[in-house]
C-alpha cells in the first residue's frame, strides 16, 4: 500500500519540547504524532456514535413517552455515589 503524509504543522517551540520530553524509549516524534492522530480519530468516531445513539434513544423515548425525569436520575446517582463513598471509608 502506498503511504501518504500529513501536512507540516507549525507549533510553538515549547509544545515541541513538551512532546519530545514525553517520548518513550525508541519512539520518534513522528510516531508520537501518528499515534495521537489515530487516537483522536477513534475518540471522535466514538463520540459521534455516542451522540447518534443518544439521538435515537431520545427519539424513541419521545415516541413511547417513556422518560425518567432528570431529577430522579440525579437522585439515584447521588445515592449510589454516597454508598460508594461510605464503602470507601469503611475499607481504610
N, C-alpha and C. Protein backbone atom coordinates (compact mmCIF):
# COMPACT_ATOMS: atom_id res chain seq x y z
N UNK A 1 0.85 -1.17 0.00
CA UNK A 1 0.00 0.00 0.00
C UNK A 1 0.90 1.24 0.00
N UNK A 2 0.54 2.17 -0.79
CA UNK A 2 1.28 3.43 -0.88
C UNK A 2 0.96 4.29 0.35
N UNK A 3 1.96 4.93 0.90
CA UNK A 3 1.75 5.77 2.07
C UNK A 3 1.52 7.22 1.66
N UNK A 4 0.95 7.97 2.59
CA UNK A 4 0.71 9.40 2.38
C UNK A 4 1.30 10.14 3.56
N UNK A 5 1.37 11.45 3.45
CA UNK A 5 1.90 12.25 4.55
C UNK A 5 0.86 13.27 4.99
N UNK A 6 1.01 13.69 6.24
CA UNK A 6 0.20 14.79 6.76
C UNK A 6 0.96 16.09 6.49
N UNK A 7 0.23 17.18 6.39
CA UNK A 7 0.93 18.45 6.19
C UNK A 7 1.75 18.82 7.42
N UNK A 8 2.81 19.56 7.19
CA UNK A 8 3.63 20.05 8.30
C UNK A 8 2.78 20.93 9.20
N UNK A 9 3.06 20.86 10.48
CA UNK A 9 2.31 21.67 11.44
C UNK A 9 3.30 22.55 12.18
N UNK A 10 3.07 23.83 12.15
CA UNK A 10 3.92 24.76 12.88
C UNK A 10 3.40 24.89 14.30
N UNK A 11 4.31 24.74 15.26
CA UNK A 11 3.94 24.83 16.67
C UNK A 11 4.96 25.69 17.40
N UNK A 12 4.56 26.14 18.56
CA UNK A 12 5.49 26.87 19.41
C UNK A 12 6.61 25.93 19.86
N UNK A 13 7.81 26.45 20.02
CA UNK A 13 8.92 25.60 20.46
C UNK A 13 8.62 24.87 21.78
N UNK A 14 7.87 25.51 22.66
CA UNK A 14 7.55 24.89 23.95
C UNK A 14 6.70 23.64 23.76
N UNK A 15 5.79 23.66 22.79
CA UNK A 15 4.95 22.49 22.54
C UNK A 15 5.79 21.34 22.00
N UNK A 16 6.68 21.66 21.09
CA UNK A 16 7.56 20.61 20.55
C UNK A 16 8.42 20.02 21.67
N UNK A 17 8.98 20.88 22.51
CA UNK A 17 9.82 20.41 23.62
C UNK A 17 9.01 19.53 24.57
N UNK A 18 7.77 19.94 24.84
CA UNK A 18 6.91 19.14 25.73
C UNK A 18 6.64 17.77 25.11
N UNK A 19 6.37 17.73 23.81
CA UNK A 19 6.12 16.46 23.14
C UNK A 19 7.38 15.58 23.18
N UNK A 20 8.51 16.17 22.90
CA UNK A 20 9.75 15.41 22.93
C UNK A 20 10.08 14.90 24.32
N UNK A 21 9.68 15.64 25.33
CA UNK A 21 10.01 15.25 26.71
C UNK A 21 9.23 14.03 27.19
N UNK A 22 8.14 13.70 26.51
CA UNK A 22 7.34 12.55 26.94
C UNK A 22 7.48 11.34 26.02
N UNK A 23 8.37 11.44 25.04
CA UNK A 23 8.60 10.30 24.16
C UNK A 23 9.15 9.13 24.95
N UNK A 24 8.64 7.94 24.62
CA UNK A 24 9.16 6.74 25.27
C UNK A 24 10.40 6.27 24.54
N UNK A 25 11.14 5.39 25.16
CA UNK A 25 12.38 4.92 24.58
C UNK A 25 12.13 4.31 23.20
N UNK A 26 12.88 4.78 22.22
CA UNK A 26 12.75 4.27 20.87
C UNK A 26 11.61 4.90 20.07
N UNK A 27 10.85 5.76 20.68
CA UNK A 27 9.72 6.39 20.00
C UNK A 27 10.19 7.68 19.32
N UNK A 28 9.72 7.87 18.10
CA UNK A 28 10.07 9.09 17.38
C UNK A 28 8.94 10.11 17.53
N UNK A 29 9.27 11.34 17.26
CA UNK A 29 8.25 12.39 17.30
C UNK A 29 7.19 12.11 16.24
N UNK A 30 7.62 11.65 15.08
CA UNK A 30 6.66 11.30 14.01
C UNK A 30 5.71 10.19 14.47
N UNK A 31 6.26 9.18 15.13
CA UNK A 31 5.43 8.09 15.64
C UNK A 31 4.46 8.57 16.69
N UNK A 32 4.93 9.47 17.54
CA UNK A 32 4.07 10.04 18.57
C UNK A 32 2.91 10.81 17.95
N UNK A 33 3.23 11.62 16.94
CA UNK A 33 2.19 12.41 16.26
C UNK A 33 1.20 11.48 15.56
N UNK A 34 1.70 10.44 14.90
CA UNK A 34 0.81 9.49 14.21
C UNK A 34 -0.12 8.81 15.21
N UNK A 35 0.44 8.39 16.34
CA UNK A 35 -0.39 7.74 17.37
C UNK A 35 -1.45 8.71 17.89
N UNK A 36 -1.07 9.96 18.12
CA UNK A 36 -2.02 10.95 18.61
C UNK A 36 -3.15 11.17 17.60
N UNK A 37 -2.81 11.20 16.33
CA UNK A 37 -3.83 11.37 15.29
C UNK A 37 -4.77 10.17 15.28
N UNK A 38 -4.21 8.97 15.33
CA UNK A 38 -5.04 7.76 15.33
C UNK A 38 -5.99 7.75 16.53
N UNK A 39 -5.46 8.07 17.71
CA UNK A 39 -6.29 8.05 18.92
C UNK A 39 -7.39 9.11 18.85
N UNK A 40 -7.08 10.27 18.29
CA UNK A 40 -8.10 11.31 18.15
C UNK A 40 -9.18 10.91 17.16
N UNK A 41 -8.78 10.22 16.09
CA UNK A 41 -9.77 9.74 15.13
C UNK A 41 -10.74 8.78 15.82
N UNK A 42 -10.20 7.82 16.56
CA UNK A 42 -11.04 6.85 17.27
C UNK A 42 -11.93 7.57 18.29
N UNK A 43 -11.36 8.52 19.03
CA UNK A 43 -12.14 9.26 20.04
C UNK A 43 -13.29 10.01 19.38
N UNK A 44 -13.01 10.66 18.28
CA UNK A 44 -14.07 11.42 17.59
C UNK A 44 -15.12 10.49 16.98
N UNK A 45 -14.69 9.35 16.44
CA UNK A 45 -15.66 8.39 15.92
C UNK A 45 -16.56 7.88 17.04
N UNK A 46 -15.95 7.54 18.17
CA UNK A 46 -16.72 7.07 19.32
C UNK A 46 -17.70 8.14 19.79
N UNK A 47 -17.26 9.38 19.82
CA UNK A 47 -18.12 10.47 20.25
C UNK A 47 -19.30 10.62 19.30
N UNK A 48 -19.03 10.58 18.00
CA UNK A 48 -20.10 10.70 17.01
C UNK A 48 -21.12 9.57 17.16
N UNK A 49 -20.62 8.35 17.36
CA UNK A 49 -21.51 7.20 17.54
C UNK A 49 -22.32 7.35 18.83
N UNK A 50 -21.70 7.85 19.88
CA UNK A 50 -22.39 8.07 21.15
C UNK A 50 -23.53 9.07 20.98
N UNK A 51 -23.24 10.16 20.30
CA UNK A 51 -24.27 11.19 20.07
C UNK A 51 -25.39 10.61 19.21
N UNK A 52 -25.03 9.85 18.19
CA UNK A 52 -26.06 9.25 17.33
C UNK A 52 -26.95 8.31 18.12
N UNK A 53 -26.36 7.48 18.99
CA UNK A 53 -27.17 6.58 19.83
C UNK A 53 -28.06 7.37 20.77
N UNK A 54 -27.54 8.46 21.30
CA UNK A 54 -28.33 9.31 22.19
C UNK A 54 -29.52 9.93 21.48
N UNK A 55 -29.30 10.37 20.25
CA UNK A 55 -30.40 10.96 19.48
C UNK A 55 -31.47 9.93 19.14
N UNK A 56 -31.04 8.71 18.81
CA UNK A 56 -32.00 7.64 18.55
C UNK A 56 -32.78 7.33 19.81
N UNK A 57 -32.08 7.24 20.93
CA UNK A 57 -32.73 6.95 22.21
C UNK A 57 -33.73 8.04 22.56
N UNK A 58 -33.35 9.29 22.35
CA UNK A 58 -34.25 10.41 22.63
C UNK A 58 -35.50 10.32 21.77
N UNK A 59 -35.32 10.01 20.50
CA UNK A 59 -36.47 9.90 19.59
C UNK A 59 -37.39 8.76 20.02
N UNK A 60 -36.79 7.65 20.44
CA UNK A 60 -37.60 6.52 20.90
C UNK A 60 -38.36 6.88 22.18
N UNK A 61 -37.70 7.59 23.07
CA UNK A 61 -38.35 8.00 24.33
C UNK A 61 -39.49 8.96 24.04
N UNK A 62 -39.28 9.89 23.13
CA UNK A 62 -40.35 10.83 22.77
C UNK A 62 -41.54 10.09 22.18
N UNK A 63 -41.24 9.12 21.31
CA UNK A 63 -42.30 8.38 20.65
C UNK A 63 -43.08 7.53 21.65
N UNK A 64 -42.36 6.89 22.57
CA UNK A 64 -43.02 5.99 23.52
C UNK A 64 -43.56 6.73 24.75
N UNK A 65 -43.03 7.93 25.00
CA UNK A 65 -43.42 8.66 26.19
C UNK A 65 -42.81 8.09 27.46
N UNK A 66 -41.85 7.18 27.32
CA UNK A 66 -41.22 6.51 28.45
C UNK A 66 -39.94 7.26 28.84
N UNK A 67 -40.08 8.19 29.75
CA UNK A 67 -38.97 9.01 30.22
C UNK A 67 -38.72 8.77 31.71
N UNK A 68 -37.50 9.00 32.12
CA UNK A 68 -37.18 9.07 33.54
C UNK A 68 -36.76 10.51 33.79
N UNK A 69 -37.46 11.21 34.68
CA UNK A 69 -37.13 12.62 34.92
C UNK A 69 -35.68 12.78 35.38
N UNK A 70 -35.05 13.86 34.94
CA UNK A 70 -33.66 14.13 35.29
C UNK A 70 -33.45 14.15 36.80
N UNK A 71 -34.41 14.71 37.54
CA UNK A 71 -34.28 14.78 39.00
C UNK A 71 -34.18 13.38 39.60
N UNK A 72 -34.95 12.45 39.04
CA UNK A 72 -34.91 11.07 39.55
C UNK A 72 -33.57 10.41 39.23
N UNK A 73 -33.07 10.63 38.04
CA UNK A 73 -31.77 10.07 37.66
C UNK A 73 -30.68 10.63 38.57
N UNK A 74 -30.69 11.94 38.78
CA UNK A 74 -29.68 12.57 39.64
C UNK A 74 -29.78 12.07 41.07
N UNK A 75 -30.99 11.88 41.56
CA UNK A 75 -31.17 11.37 42.91
C UNK A 75 -30.61 9.95 43.03
N UNK A 76 -30.87 9.11 42.03
CA UNK A 76 -30.33 7.75 42.05
C UNK A 76 -28.80 7.76 42.01
N UNK A 77 -28.24 8.60 41.15
CA UNK A 77 -26.79 8.69 41.06
C UNK A 77 -26.17 9.20 42.35
N UNK A 78 -26.82 10.17 42.95
CA UNK A 78 -26.33 10.71 44.22
C UNK A 78 -26.33 9.64 45.30
N UNK A 79 -27.38 8.85 45.31
CA UNK A 79 -27.49 7.77 46.30
C UNK A 79 -26.38 6.74 46.08
N UNK A 80 -26.11 6.39 44.82
CA UNK A 80 -25.05 5.43 44.51
C UNK A 80 -23.68 6.00 44.89
N UNK A 81 -23.48 7.29 44.65
CA UNK A 81 -22.22 7.93 44.99
C UNK A 81 -22.02 7.93 46.50
N UNK A 82 -23.07 8.27 47.22
CA UNK A 82 -22.98 8.26 48.69
C UNK A 82 -22.64 6.87 49.21
N UNK A 83 -23.27 5.85 48.64
CA UNK A 83 -23.00 4.47 49.06
C UNK A 83 -21.55 4.09 48.75
N UNK A 84 -21.05 4.48 47.58
CA UNK A 84 -19.67 4.17 47.22
C UNK A 84 -18.69 4.88 48.14
N UNK A 85 -18.99 6.13 48.49
CA UNK A 85 -18.13 6.86 49.41
C UNK A 85 -18.13 6.20 50.77
N UNK A 86 -19.29 5.74 51.23
CA UNK A 86 -19.38 5.07 52.53
C UNK A 86 -18.58 3.77 52.52
N UNK A 87 -18.65 3.03 51.42
CA UNK A 87 -17.87 1.79 51.31
C UNK A 87 -16.39 2.09 51.33
N UNK A 88 -15.99 3.18 50.67
CA UNK A 88 -14.59 3.57 50.63
C UNK A 88 -14.04 3.91 52.00
N UNK A 89 -14.86 4.57 52.82
CA UNK A 89 -14.43 4.96 54.16
C UNK A 89 -14.27 3.74 55.06
N UNK A 90 -15.10 2.72 54.87
CA UNK A 90 -15.03 1.54 55.75
C UNK A 90 -13.87 0.64 55.36
N UNK A 91 -13.30 0.77 54.18
CA UNK A 91 -12.19 -0.06 53.74
C UNK A 91 -10.85 0.41 54.26
N UNK A 92 -10.78 1.61 54.77
CA UNK A 92 -9.49 2.16 55.20
C UNK A 92 -9.12 1.71 56.53
